[in-house]
């Protein structure tokens, strides 16, 4: 990367494989479970804006250029994300959390 910085500059998307896609409802349930509390309810509004049925990141560039593949299962990825946000909400040590999560993720490689 250091030898060809232009090749690797620009936007990169990293996300789950399409086979790991979950519904918004399942994602919310995972997030609530990881947070440890909370509830949700389906909106009954009749006049609501259109929402795509499936939202995904285009990770093709990361797959093809870097040979990158997602490692953690969606459940672990949501837990890690919620750990970070919960710490941010309570003024936790975000630097340490990031270091620990990077270390754990590198162990999956």
PDB file of N, CA and C in Angstrom:
ATOM      1  N   UNK A   1       0.822  -1.189   0.000  1.00  0.00           N
ATOM      2  CA  UNK A   1       0.000   0.000   0.000  1.00  0.00           C
ATOM      3  C   UNK A   1       0.867   1.255   0.000  1.00  0.00           C
ATOM      4  N   UNK A   2       1.938   1.226   0.778  1.00  0.00           N
ATOM      5  CA  UNK A   2       2.794   2.401   0.884  1.00  0.00           C
ATOM      6  C   UNK A   2       3.489   2.708  -0.439  1.00  0.00           C
ATOM      7  N   UNK A   3       3.734   1.691  -1.253  1.00  0.00           N
ATOM      8  CA  UNK A   3       4.413   1.895  -2.529  1.00  0.00           C
ATOM      9  C   UNK A   3       3.477   2.420  -3.618  1.00  0.00           C
ATOM     10  N   UNK A   4       2.180   2.211  -3.463  1.00  0.00           N
ATOM     11  CA  UNK A   4       1.195   2.658  -4.454  1.00  0.00           C
ATOM     12  C   UNK A   4       0.025   3.365  -3.770  1.00  0.00           C
ATOM     13  N   UNK A   5       0.289   4.498  -3.106  1.00  0.00           N
ATOM     14  CA  UNK A   5      -0.781   5.142  -2.335  1.00  0.00           C
ATOM     15  C   UNK A   5      -1.989   5.551  -3.174  1.00  0.00           C
ATOM     16  N   UNK A   6      -1.799   5.947  -4.410  1.00  0.00           N
ATOM     17  CA  UNK A   6      -2.941   6.337  -5.251  1.00  0.00           C
ATOM     18  C   UNK A   6      -3.886   5.165  -5.512  1.00  0.00           C
ATOM     19  N   UNK A   7      -3.306   3.992  -5.678  1.00  0.00           N
ATOM     20  CA  UNK A   7      -4.121   2.804  -5.929  1.00  0.00           C
ATOM     21  C   UNK A   7      -5.067   2.529  -4.755  1.00  0.00           C
ATOM     22  N   UNK A   8      -4.608   2.823  -3.548  1.00  0.00           N
ATOM     23  CA  UNK A   8      -5.382   2.482  -2.365  1.00  0.00           C
ATOM     24  C   UNK A   8      -6.075   3.677  -1.717  1.00  0.00           C
ATOM     25  N   UNK A   9      -5.972   4.839  -2.340  1.00  0.00           N
ATOM     26  CA  UNK A   9      -6.673   5.999  -1.786  1.00  0.00           C
ATOM     27  C   UNK A   9      -8.139   5.949  -2.198  1.00  0.00           C
ATOM     28  N   UNK A  10      -8.940   6.736  -1.558  1.00  0.00           N
ATOM     29  CA  UNK A  10     -10.357   6.773  -1.895  1.00  0.00           C
ATOM     30  C   UNK A  10     -11.207   6.024  -0.890  1.00  0.00           C
ATOM     31  N   UNK A  11     -12.458   5.877  -1.228  1.00  0.00           N
ATOM     32  CA  UNK A  11     -13.429   5.260  -0.327  1.00  0.00           C
ATOM     33  C   UNK A  11     -13.360   3.740  -0.391  1.00  0.00           C
ATOM     34  N   UNK A  12     -13.511   3.119   0.764  1.00  0.00           N
ATOM     35  CA  UNK A  12     -13.555   1.670   0.881  1.00  0.00           C
ATOM     36  C   UNK A  12     -14.745   1.298   1.753  1.00  0.00           C
ATOM     37  N   UNK A  13     -15.487   0.284   1.366  1.00  0.00           N
ATOM     38  CA  UNK A  13     -16.587  -0.226   2.180  1.00  0.00           C
ATOM     39  C   UNK A  13     -16.214  -1.607   2.695  1.00  0.00           C
ATOM     40  N   UNK A  14     -16.409  -1.817   3.974  1.00  0.00           N
ATOM     41  CA  UNK A  14     -16.192  -3.113   4.600  1.00  0.00           C
ATOM     42  C   UNK A  14     -17.482  -3.483   5.302  1.00  0.00           C
ATOM     43  N   UNK A  15     -17.984  -4.660   5.062  1.00  0.00           N
ATOM     44  CA  UNK A  15     -19.240  -5.061   5.670  1.00  0.00           C
ATOM     45  C   UNK A  15     -19.440  -6.553   5.528  1.00  0.00           C
ATOM     46  N   UNK A  16     -20.579  -7.020   5.986  1.00  0.00           N
ATOM     47  CA  UNK A  16     -20.834  -8.466   5.962  1.00  0.00           C
ATOM     48  C   UNK A  16     -21.049  -8.975   4.544  1.00  0.00           C
ATOM     49  N   UNK A  17     -20.812 -10.263   4.385  1.00  0.00           N
ATOM     50  CA  UNK A  17     -21.113 -10.923   3.117  1.00  0.00           C
ATOM     51  C   UNK A  17     -22.623 -10.929   2.913  1.00  0.00           C
ATOM     52  N   UNK A  18     -23.054 -10.949   1.663  1.00  0.00           N
ATOM     53  CA  UNK A  18     -24.502 -10.967   1.390  1.00  0.00           C
ATOM     54  C   UNK A  18     -25.197 -12.150   2.065  1.00  0.00           C
ATOM     55  N   UNK A  19     -24.484 -13.244   2.207  1.00  0.00           N
ATOM     56  CA  UNK A  19     -25.081 -14.421   2.847  1.00  0.00           C
ATOM     57  C   UNK A  19     -25.352 -14.190   4.326  1.00  0.00           C
ATOM     58  N   UNK A  20     -24.773 -13.142   4.910  1.00  0.00           N
ATOM     59  CA  UNK A  20     -24.979 -12.816   6.320  1.00  0.00           C
ATOM     60  C   UNK A  20     -26.044 -11.756   6.531  1.00  0.00           C
ATOM     61  N   UNK A  21     -26.703 -11.357   5.459  1.00  0.00           N
ATOM     62  CA  UNK A  21     -27.703 -10.288   5.573  1.00  0.00           C
ATOM     63  C   UNK A  21     -28.817 -10.695   6.537  1.00  0.00           C
ATOM     64  N   UNK A  22     -29.255  -9.739   7.335  1.00  0.00           N
ATOM     65  CA  UNK A  22     -30.363  -9.956   8.263  1.00  0.00           C
ATOM     66  C   UNK A  22     -31.388  -8.843   8.060  1.00  0.00           C
ATOM     67  N   UNK A  23     -32.577  -9.087   8.506  1.00  0.00           N
ATOM     68  CA  UNK A  23     -33.622  -8.077   8.411  1.00  0.00           C
ATOM     69  C   UNK A  23     -33.346  -6.948   9.400  1.00  0.00           C
ATOM     70  N   UNK A  24     -33.970  -5.810   9.150  1.00  0.00           N
ATOM     71  CA  UNK A  24     -33.842  -4.688  10.081  1.00  0.00           C
ATOM     72  C   UNK A  24     -34.342  -5.113  11.452  1.00  0.00           C
ATOM     73  N   UNK A  25     -35.436  -5.855  11.492  1.00  0.00           N
ATOM     74  CA  UNK A  25     -35.972  -6.324  12.772  1.00  0.00           C
ATOM     75  C   UNK A  25     -34.929  -7.146  13.522  1.00  0.00           C
ATOM     76  N   UNK A  26     -34.259  -8.067  12.839  1.00  0.00           N
ATOM     77  CA  UNK A  26     -33.245  -8.904  13.491  1.00  0.00           C
ATOM     78  C   UNK A  26     -32.068  -8.054  13.964  1.00  0.00           C
ATOM     79  N   UNK A  27     -31.658  -7.081  13.163  1.00  0.00           N
ATOM     80  CA  UNK A  27     -30.566  -6.196  13.549  1.00  0.00           C
ATOM     81  C   UNK A  27     -30.920  -5.413  14.811  1.00  0.00           C
ATOM     82  N   UNK A  28     -32.139  -4.903  14.873  1.00  0.00           N
ATOM     83  CA  UNK A  28     -32.588  -4.160  16.056  1.00  0.00           C
ATOM     84  C   UNK A  28     -32.615  -5.079  17.273  1.00  0.00           C
ATOM     85  N   UNK A  29     -33.099  -6.297  17.095  1.00  0.00           N
ATOM     86  CA  UNK A  29     -33.134  -7.246  18.212  1.00  0.00           C
ATOM     87  C   UNK A  29     -31.725  -7.573  18.707  1.00  0.00           C
ATOM     88  N   UNK A  30     -30.781  -7.739  17.793  1.00  0.00           N
ATOM     89  CA  UNK A  30     -29.391  -7.987  18.193  1.00  0.00           C
ATOM     90  C   UNK A  30     -28.817  -6.793  18.949  1.00  0.00           C
ATOM     91  N   UNK A  31     -29.096  -5.593  18.463  1.00  0.00           N
ATOM     92  CA  UNK A  31     -28.586  -4.383  19.109  1.00  0.00           C
ATOM     93  C   UNK A  31     -29.169  -4.218  20.508  1.00  0.00           C
ATOM     94  N   UNK A  32     -30.461  -4.436  20.658  1.00  0.00           N
ATOM     95  CA  UNK A  32     -31.100  -4.325  21.976  1.00  0.00           C
ATOM     96  C   UNK A  32     -30.516  -5.370  22.929  1.00  0.00           C
ATOM     97  N   UNK A  33     -30.323  -6.585  22.421  1.00  0.00           N
ATOM     98  CA  UNK A  33     -29.740  -7.635  23.259  1.00  0.00           C
ATOM     99  C   UNK A  33     -28.331  -7.287  23.700  1.00  0.00           C
ATOM    100  N   UNK A  34     -27.541  -6.733  22.794  1.00  0.00           N
ATOM    101  CA  UNK A  34     -26.165  -6.357  23.134  1.00  0.00           C
ATOM    102  C   UNK A  34     -26.135  -5.181  24.096  1.00  0.00           C
ATOM    103  N   UNK A  35     -27.091  -4.248  23.943  1.00  0.00           N
ATOM    104  CA  UNK A  35     -27.127  -3.086  24.844  1.00  0.00           C
ATOM    105  C   UNK A  35     -27.579  -3.513  26.238  1.00  0.00           C
ATOM    106  N   UNK A  36     -28.438  -4.523  26.291  1.00  0.00           N
ATOM    107  CA  UNK A  36     -28.894  -5.038  27.579  1.00  0.00           C
ATOM    108  C   UNK A  36     -30.252  -4.533  28.005  1.00  0.00           C
ATOM    109  N   UNK A  37     -30.811  -3.644  27.239  1.00  0.00           N
ATOM    110  CA  UNK A  37     -32.153  -3.139  27.528  1.00  0.00           C
ATOM    111  C   UNK A  37     -32.677  -2.425  26.293  1.00  0.00           C
ATOM    112  N   UNK A  38     -33.967  -2.166  26.311  1.00  0.00           N
ATOM    113  CA  UNK A  38     -34.589  -1.441  25.216  1.00  0.00           C
ATOM    114  C   UNK A  38     -35.737  -2.224  24.616  1.00  0.00           C
ATOM    115  N   UNK A  39     -36.532  -1.546  23.847  1.00  0.00           N
ATOM    116  CA  UNK A  39     -37.661  -2.162  23.162  1.00  0.00           C
ATOM    117  C   UNK A  39     -37.803  -1.499  21.801  1.00  0.00           C
ATOM    118  N   UNK A  40     -38.623  -2.099  20.973  1.00  0.00           N
ATOM    119  CA  UNK A  40     -38.948  -1.495  19.691  1.00  0.00           C
ATOM    120  C   UNK A  40     -40.377  -1.868  19.346  1.00  0.00           C
ATOM    121  N   UNK A  41     -40.937  -1.121  18.449  1.00  0.00           N
ATOM    122  CA  UNK A  41     -42.280  -1.461  17.952  1.00  0.00           C
ATOM    123  C   UNK A  41     -42.349  -1.066  16.483  1.00  0.00           C
ATOM    124  N   UNK A  42     -43.127  -1.801  15.746  1.00  0.00           N
ATOM    125  CA  UNK A  42     -43.307  -1.537  14.328  1.00  0.00           C
ATOM    126  C   UNK A  42     -44.209  -0.318  14.159  1.00  0.00           C
ATOM    127  N   UNK A  43     -43.808   0.581  13.311  1.00  0.00           N
ATOM    128  CA  UNK A  43     -44.608   1.777  13.049  1.00  0.00           C
ATOM    129  C   UNK A  43     -45.837   1.402  12.222  1.00  0.00           C
ATOM    130  N   UNK A  44     -46.953   1.921  12.597  1.00  0.00           N
ATOM    131  CA  UNK A  44     -48.200   1.667  11.876  1.00  0.00           C
ATOM    132  C   UNK A  44     -48.587   2.831  10.975  1.00  0.00           C
ATOM    133  N   UNK A  45     -47.664   3.763  10.779  1.00  0.00           N
ATOM    134  CA  UNK A  45     -47.961   4.926   9.942  1.00  0.00           C
ATOM    135  C   UNK A  45     -48.278   4.489   8.520  1.00  0.00           C
ATOM    136  N   UNK A  46     -49.340   5.061   7.977  1.00  0.00           N
ATOM    137  CA  UNK A  46     -49.748   4.727   6.604  1.00  0.00           C
ATOM    138  C   UNK A  46     -48.923   5.516   5.591  1.00  0.00           C
ATOM    139  N   UNK A  47     -48.710   6.794   5.848  1.00  0.00           N
ATOM    140  CA  UNK A  47     -47.973   7.653   4.920  1.00  0.00           C
ATOM    141  C   UNK A  47     -46.532   7.794   5.395  1.00  0.00           C
ATOM    142  N   UNK A  48     -45.698   6.883   4.960  1.00  0.00           N
ATOM    143  CA  UNK A  48     -44.298   6.949   5.358  1.00  0.00           C
ATOM    144  C   UNK A  48     -43.424   6.923   4.099  1.00  0.00           C
ATOM    145  N   UNK A  49     -42.233   7.465   4.189  1.00  0.00           N
ATOM    146  CA  UNK A  49     -41.363   7.483   3.011  1.00  0.00           C
ATOM    147  C   UNK A  49     -40.938   6.077   2.612  1.00  0.00           C
ATOM    148  N   UNK A  50     -40.639   5.911   1.341  1.00  0.00           N
ATOM    149  CA  UNK A  50     -40.191   4.619   0.826  1.00  0.00           C
ATOM    150  C   UNK A  50     -38.854   4.244   1.456  1.00  0.00           C
ATOM    151  N   UNK A  51     -38.717   3.005   1.810  1.00  0.00           N
ATOM    152  CA  UNK A  51     -37.454   2.484   2.332  1.00  0.00           C
ATOM    153  C   UNK A  51     -37.101   1.250   1.513  1.00  0.00           C
ATOM    154  N   UNK A  52     -35.869   1.152   1.098  1.00  0.00           N
ATOM    155  CA  UNK A  52     -35.439  -0.007   0.318  1.00  0.00           C
ATOM    156  C   UNK A  52     -35.616  -1.273   1.137  1.00  0.00           C
ATOM    157  N   UNK A  53     -35.926  -2.352   0.466  1.00  0.00           N
ATOM    158  CA  UNK A  53     -36.115  -3.623   1.140  1.00  0.00           C
ATOM    159  C   UNK A  53     -34.813  -4.232   1.641  1.00  0.00           C
ATOM    160  N   UNK A  54     -33.712  -3.901   0.983  1.00  0.00           N
ATOM    161  CA  UNK A  54     -32.422  -4.433   1.374  1.00  0.00           C
ATOM    162  C   UNK A  54     -31.383  -3.335   1.233  1.00  0.00           C
ATOM    163  N   UNK A  55     -30.683  -3.041   2.307  1.00  0.00           N
ATOM    164  CA  UNK A  55     -29.617  -2.043   2.293  1.00  0.00           C
ATOM    165  C   UNK A  55     -28.292  -2.772   2.488  1.00  0.00           C
ATOM    166  N   UNK A  56     -27.381  -2.611   1.558  1.00  0.00           N
ATOM    167  CA  UNK A  56     -26.081  -3.269   1.666  1.00  0.00           C
ATOM    168  C   UNK A  56     -24.971  -2.307   1.251  1.00  0.00           C
ATOM    169  N   UNK A  57     -23.783  -2.632   1.675  1.00  0.00           N
ATOM    170  CA  UNK A  57     -22.597  -1.906   1.249  1.00  0.00           C
ATOM    171  C   UNK A  57     -22.006  -2.610   0.036  1.00  0.00           C
ATOM    172  N   UNK A  58     -21.467  -1.853  -0.883  1.00  0.00           N
ATOM    173  CA  UNK A  58     -20.763  -2.440  -2.019  1.00  0.00           C
ATOM    174  C   UNK A  58     -19.321  -2.692  -1.591  1.00  0.00           C
ATOM    175  N   UNK A  59     -19.023  -3.918  -1.227  1.00  0.00           N
ATOM    176  CA  UNK A  59     -17.700  -4.269  -0.714  1.00  0.00           C
ATOM    177  C   UNK A  59     -16.809  -4.891  -1.788  1.00  0.00           C
ATOM    178  N   UNK A  60     -17.239  -4.826  -3.045  1.00  0.00           N
ATOM    179  CA  UNK A  60     -16.497  -5.458  -4.130  1.00  0.00           C
ATOM    180  C   UNK A  60     -15.047  -4.971  -4.199  1.00  0.00           C
ATOM    181  N   UNK A  61     -14.829  -3.677  -4.030  1.00  0.00           N
ATOM    182  CA  UNK A  61     -13.475  -3.120  -4.109  1.00  0.00           C
ATOM    183  C   UNK A  61     -12.569  -3.753  -3.052  1.00  0.00           C
ATOM    184  N   UNK A  62     -13.050  -3.872  -1.828  1.00  0.00           N
ATOM    185  CA  UNK A  62     -12.247  -4.472  -0.755  1.00  0.00           C
ATOM    186  C   UNK A  62     -11.975  -5.951  -1.043  1.00  0.00           C
ATOM    187  N   UNK A  63     -12.982  -6.660  -1.566  1.00  0.00           N
ATOM    188  CA  UNK A  63     -12.802  -8.071  -1.909  1.00  0.00           C
ATOM    189  C   UNK A  63     -11.764  -8.223  -3.016  1.00  0.00           C
ATOM    190  N   UNK A  64     -11.933  -7.449  -4.113  1.00  0.00           N
ATOM    191  CA  UNK A  64     -11.095  -7.650  -5.288  1.00  0.00           C
ATOM    192  C   UNK A  64      -9.702  -7.045  -5.144  1.00  0.00           C
ATOM    193  N   UNK A  65      -9.575  -5.879  -4.555  1.00  0.00           N
ATOM    194  CA  UNK A  65      -8.285  -5.205  -4.462  1.00  0.00           C
ATOM    195  C   UNK A  65      -7.439  -5.681  -3.276  1.00  0.00           C
ATOM    196  N   UNK A  66      -8.082  -6.035  -2.189  1.00  0.00           N
ATOM    197  CA  UNK A  66      -7.359  -6.412  -0.970  1.00  0.00           C
ATOM    198  C   UNK A  66      -7.472  -7.898  -0.631  1.00  0.00           C
ATOM    199  N   UNK A  67      -8.398  -8.590  -1.300  1.00  0.00           N
ATOM    200  CA  UNK A  67      -8.655  -9.975  -0.931  1.00  0.00           C
ATOM    201  C   UNK A  67      -9.321 -10.076   0.427  1.00  0.00           C
ATOM    202  N   UNK A  68      -9.974  -8.985   0.828  1.00  0.00           N
ATOM    203  CA  UNK A  68     -10.596  -8.890   2.151  1.00  0.00           C
ATOM    204  C   UNK A  68     -11.869  -9.720   2.220  1.00  0.00           C
ATOM    205  N   UNK A  69     -12.080 -10.354   3.364  1.00  0.00           N
ATOM    206  CA  UNK A  69     -13.321 -11.086   3.630  1.00  0.00           C
ATOM    207  C   UNK A  69     -13.730 -10.803   5.064  1.00  0.00           C
ATOM    208  N   UNK A  70     -15.028 -10.663   5.310  1.00  0.00           N
ATOM    209  CA  UNK A  70     -15.472 -10.422   6.686  1.00  0.00           C
ATOM    210  C   UNK A  70     -15.200 -11.646   7.545  1.00  0.00           C
ATOM    211  N   UNK A  71     -14.814 -11.403   8.787  1.00  0.00           N
ATOM    212  CA  UNK A  71     -14.516 -12.508   9.700  1.00  0.00           C
ATOM    213  C   UNK A  71     -15.600 -12.711  10.762  1.00  0.00           C
ATOM    214  N   UNK A  72     -15.935 -11.693  11.533  1.00  0.00           N
ATOM    215  CA  UNK A  72     -16.897 -11.976  12.599  1.00  0.00           C
ATOM    216  C   UNK A  72     -18.298 -12.203  12.044  1.00  0.00           C
ATOM    217  N   UNK A  73     -19.033 -13.065  12.714  1.00  0.00           N
ATOM    218  CA  UNK A  73     -20.438 -13.255  12.369  1.00  0.00           C
ATOM    219  C   UNK A  73     -21.193 -11.976  12.705  1.00  0.00           C
ATOM    220  N   UNK A  74     -22.361 -11.815  12.119  1.00  0.00           N
ATOM    221  CA  UNK A  74     -23.143 -10.591  12.321  1.00  0.00           C
ATOM    222  C   UNK A  74     -23.411 -10.354  13.804  1.00  0.00           C
ATOM    223  N   UNK A  75     -23.662 -11.411  14.557  1.00  0.00           N
ATOM    224  CA  UNK A  75     -23.932 -11.247  15.984  1.00  0.00           C
ATOM    225  C   UNK A  75     -22.738 -10.621  16.709  1.00  0.00           C
ATOM    226  N   UNK A  76     -21.533 -11.104  16.397  1.00  0.00           N
ATOM    227  CA  UNK A  76     -20.331 -10.554  17.029  1.00  0.00           C
ATOM    228  C   UNK A  76     -20.074  -9.128  16.564  1.00  0.00           C
ATOM    229  N   UNK A  77     -20.291  -8.854  15.299  1.00  0.00           N
ATOM    230  CA  UNK A  77     -20.076  -7.504  14.774  1.00  0.00           C
ATOM    231  C   UNK A  77     -21.015  -6.504  15.454  1.00  0.00           C
ATOM    232  N   UNK A  78     -22.267  -6.888  15.655  1.00  0.00           N
ATOM    233  CA  UNK A  78     -23.220  -6.004  16.338  1.00  0.00           C
ATOM    234  C   UNK A  78     -22.804  -5.819  17.794  1.00  0.00           C
ATOM    235  N   UNK A  79     -22.417  -6.910  18.466  1.00  0.00           N
ATOM    236  CA  UNK A  79     -21.967  -6.789  19.869  1.00  0.00           C
ATOM    237  C   UNK A  79     -20.784  -5.830  19.982  1.00  0.00           C
ATOM    238  N   UNK A  80     -19.803  -5.978  19.099  1.00  0.00           N
ATOM    239  CA  UNK A  80     -18.634  -5.094  19.140  1.00  0.00           C
ATOM    240  C   UNK A  80     -19.032  -3.643  18.909  1.00  0.00           C
ATOM    241  N   UNK A  81     -19.935  -3.421  17.983  1.00  0.00           N
ATOM    242  CA  UNK A  81     -20.394  -2.060  17.693  1.00  0.00           C
ATOM    243  C   UNK A  81     -21.100  -1.469  18.905  1.00  0.00           C
ATOM    244  N   UNK A  82     -21.964  -2.245  19.533  1.00  0.00           N
ATOM    245  CA  UNK A  82     -22.706  -1.752  20.692  1.00  0.00           C
ATOM    246  C   UNK A  82     -21.780  -1.522  21.872  1.00  0.00           C
ATOM    247  N   UNK A  83     -20.779  -2.368  22.068  1.00  0.00           N
ATOM    248  CA  UNK A  83     -19.796  -2.139  23.139  1.00  0.00           C
ATOM    249  C   UNK A  83     -19.172  -0.756  22.962  1.00  0.00           C
ATOM    250  N   UNK A  84     -18.793  -0.415  21.731  1.00  0.00           N
ATOM    251  CA  UNK A  84     -18.162   0.882  21.466  1.00  0.00           C
ATOM    252  C   UNK A  84     -19.141   2.028  21.745  1.00  0.00           C
ATOM    253  N   UNK A  85     -20.365   1.928  21.209  1.00  0.00           N
ATOM    254  CA  UNK A  85     -21.340   3.007  21.406  1.00  0.00           C
ATOM    255  C   UNK A  85     -21.742   3.147  22.869  1.00  0.00           C
ATOM    256  N   UNK A  86     -21.860   2.039  23.569  1.00  0.00           N
ATOM    257  CA  UNK A  86     -22.222   2.104  24.983  1.00  0.00           C
ATOM    258  C   UNK A  86     -21.109   2.792  25.774  1.00  0.00           C
ATOM    259  N   UNK A  87     -19.863   2.483  25.451  1.00  0.00           N
ATOM    260  CA  UNK A  87     -18.739   3.142  26.116  1.00  0.00           C
ATOM    261  C   UNK A  87     -18.718   4.630  25.778  1.00  0.00           C
ATOM    262  N   UNK A  88     -19.008   4.978  24.527  1.00  0.00           N
ATOM    263  CA  UNK A  88     -19.058   6.400  24.145  1.00  0.00           C
ATOM    264  C   UNK A  88     -20.156   7.113  24.912  1.00  0.00           C
ATOM    265  N   UNK A  89     -21.269   6.436  25.111  1.00  0.00           N
ATOM    266  CA  UNK A  89     -22.412   7.005  25.835  1.00  0.00           C
ATOM    267  C   UNK A  89     -22.088   7.255  27.308  1.00  0.00           C
ATOM    268  N   UNK A  90     -21.199   6.436  27.860  1.00  0.00           N
ATOM    269  CA  UNK A  90     -20.870   6.544  29.286  1.00  0.00           C
ATOM    270  C   UNK A  90     -19.461   7.088  29.523  1.00  0.00           C
ATOM    271  N   UNK A  91     -18.874   7.705  28.508  1.00  0.00           N
ATOM    272  CA  UNK A  91     -17.515   8.257  28.604  1.00  0.00           C
ATOM    273  C   UNK A  91     -16.471   7.191  28.929  1.00  0.00           C
ATOM    274  N   UNK A  92     -16.628   6.019  28.337  1.00  0.00           N
ATOM    275  CA  UNK A  92     -15.668   4.939  28.546  1.00  0.00           C
ATOM    276  C   UNK A  92     -14.374   5.175  27.779  1.00  0.00           C
ATOM    277  N   UNK A  93     -13.423   4.285  27.943  1.00  0.00           N
ATOM    278  CA  UNK A  93     -12.120   4.392  27.308  1.00  0.00           C
ATOM    279  C   UNK A  93     -12.191   3.838  25.887  1.00  0.00           C
ATOM    280  N   UNK A  94     -12.547   4.698  24.941  1.00  0.00           N
ATOM    281  CA  UNK A  94     -12.740   4.269  23.553  1.00  0.00           C
ATOM    282  C   UNK A  94     -11.442   3.802  22.909  1.00  0.00           C
ATOM    283  N   UNK A  95     -10.344   4.429  23.263  1.00  0.00           N
ATOM    284  CA  UNK A  95      -9.062   4.013  22.698  1.00  0.00           C
ATOM    285  C   UNK A  95      -8.757   2.565  23.082  1.00  0.00           C
ATOM    286  N   UNK A  96      -8.965   2.228  24.343  1.00  0.00           N
ATOM    287  CA  UNK A  96      -8.703   0.862  24.793  1.00  0.00           C
ATOM    288  C   UNK A  96      -9.664  -0.126  24.141  1.00  0.00           C
ATOM    289  N   UNK A  97     -10.911   0.253  24.021  1.00  0.00           N
ATOM    290  CA  UNK A  97     -11.888  -0.626  23.368  1.00  0.00           C
ATOM    291  C   UNK A  97     -11.485  -0.867  21.923  1.00  0.00           C
ATOM    292  N   UNK A  98     -11.090   0.187  21.213  1.00  0.00           N
ATOM    293  CA  UNK A  98     -10.649   0.031  19.822  1.00  0.00           C
ATOM    294  C   UNK A  98      -9.443  -0.888  19.735  1.00  0.00           C
ATOM    295  N   UNK A  99      -8.468  -0.688  20.606  1.00  0.00           N
ATOM    296  CA  UNK A  99      -7.273  -1.551  20.603  1.00  0.00           C
ATOM    297  C   UNK A  99      -7.647  -3.006  20.850  1.00  0.00           C
ATOM    298  N   UNK A 100      -8.498  -3.233  21.831  1.00  0.00           N
ATOM    299  CA  UNK A 100      -8.897  -4.604  22.159  1.00  0.00           C
ATOM    300  C   UNK A 100      -9.662  -5.239  20.995  1.00  0.00           C
ATOM    301  N   UNK A 101     -10.567  -4.475  20.390  1.00  0.00           N
ATOM    302  CA  UNK A 101     -11.343  -5.033  19.282  1.00  0.00           C
ATOM    303  C   UNK A 101     -10.460  -5.309  18.064  1.00  0.00           C
ATOM    304  N   UNK A 102      -9.505  -4.442  17.794  1.00  0.00           N
ATOM    305  CA  UNK A 102      -8.580  -4.686  16.687  1.00  0.00           C
ATOM    306  C   UNK A 102      -7.754  -5.935  16.981  1.00  0.00           C
ATOM    307  N   UNK A 103      -7.263  -6.054  18.202  1.00  0.00           N
ATOM    308  CA  UNK A 103      -6.483  -7.232  18.594  1.00  0.00           C
ATOM    309  C   UNK A 103      -7.320  -8.493  18.431  1.00  0.00           C
ATOM    310  N   UNK A 104      -8.548  -8.477  18.919  1.00  0.00           N
ATOM    311  CA  UNK A 104      -9.423  -9.645  18.795  1.00  0.00           C
ATOM    312  C   UNK A 104      -9.698  -9.971  17.339  1.00  0.00           C
ATOM    313  N   UNK A 105      -9.940  -8.946  16.540  1.00  0.00           N
ATOM    314  CA  UNK A 105     -10.239  -9.161  15.124  1.00  0.00           C
ATOM    315  C   UNK A 105      -9.016  -9.736  14.400  1.00  0.00           C
ATOM    316  N   UNK A 106      -7.829  -9.244  14.726  1.00  0.00           N
ATOM    317  CA  UNK A 106      -6.621  -9.757  14.094  1.00  0.00           C
ATOM    318  C   UNK A 106      -6.413 -11.232  14.442  1.00  0.00           C
ATOM    319  N   UNK A 107      -6.877 -11.639  15.612  1.00  0.00           N
ATOM    320  CA  UNK A 107      -6.799 -13.041  15.985  1.00  0.00           C
ATOM    321  C   UNK A 107      -7.680 -13.941  15.138  1.00  0.00           C
ATOM    322  N   UNK A 108      -8.687 -13.360  14.505  1.00  0.00           N
ATOM    323  CA  UNK A 108      -9.575 -14.129  13.626  1.00  0.00           C
ATOM    324  C   UNK A 108      -8.975 -14.342  12.242  1.00  0.00           C
ATOM    325  N   UNK A 109      -7.945 -13.568  11.931  1.00  0.00           N
ATOM    326  CA  UNK A 109      -7.378 -13.589  10.574  1.00  0.00           C
ATOM    327  C   UNK A 109      -6.628 -14.864  10.297  1.00  0.00           C
TER     328      UNK A 109
END
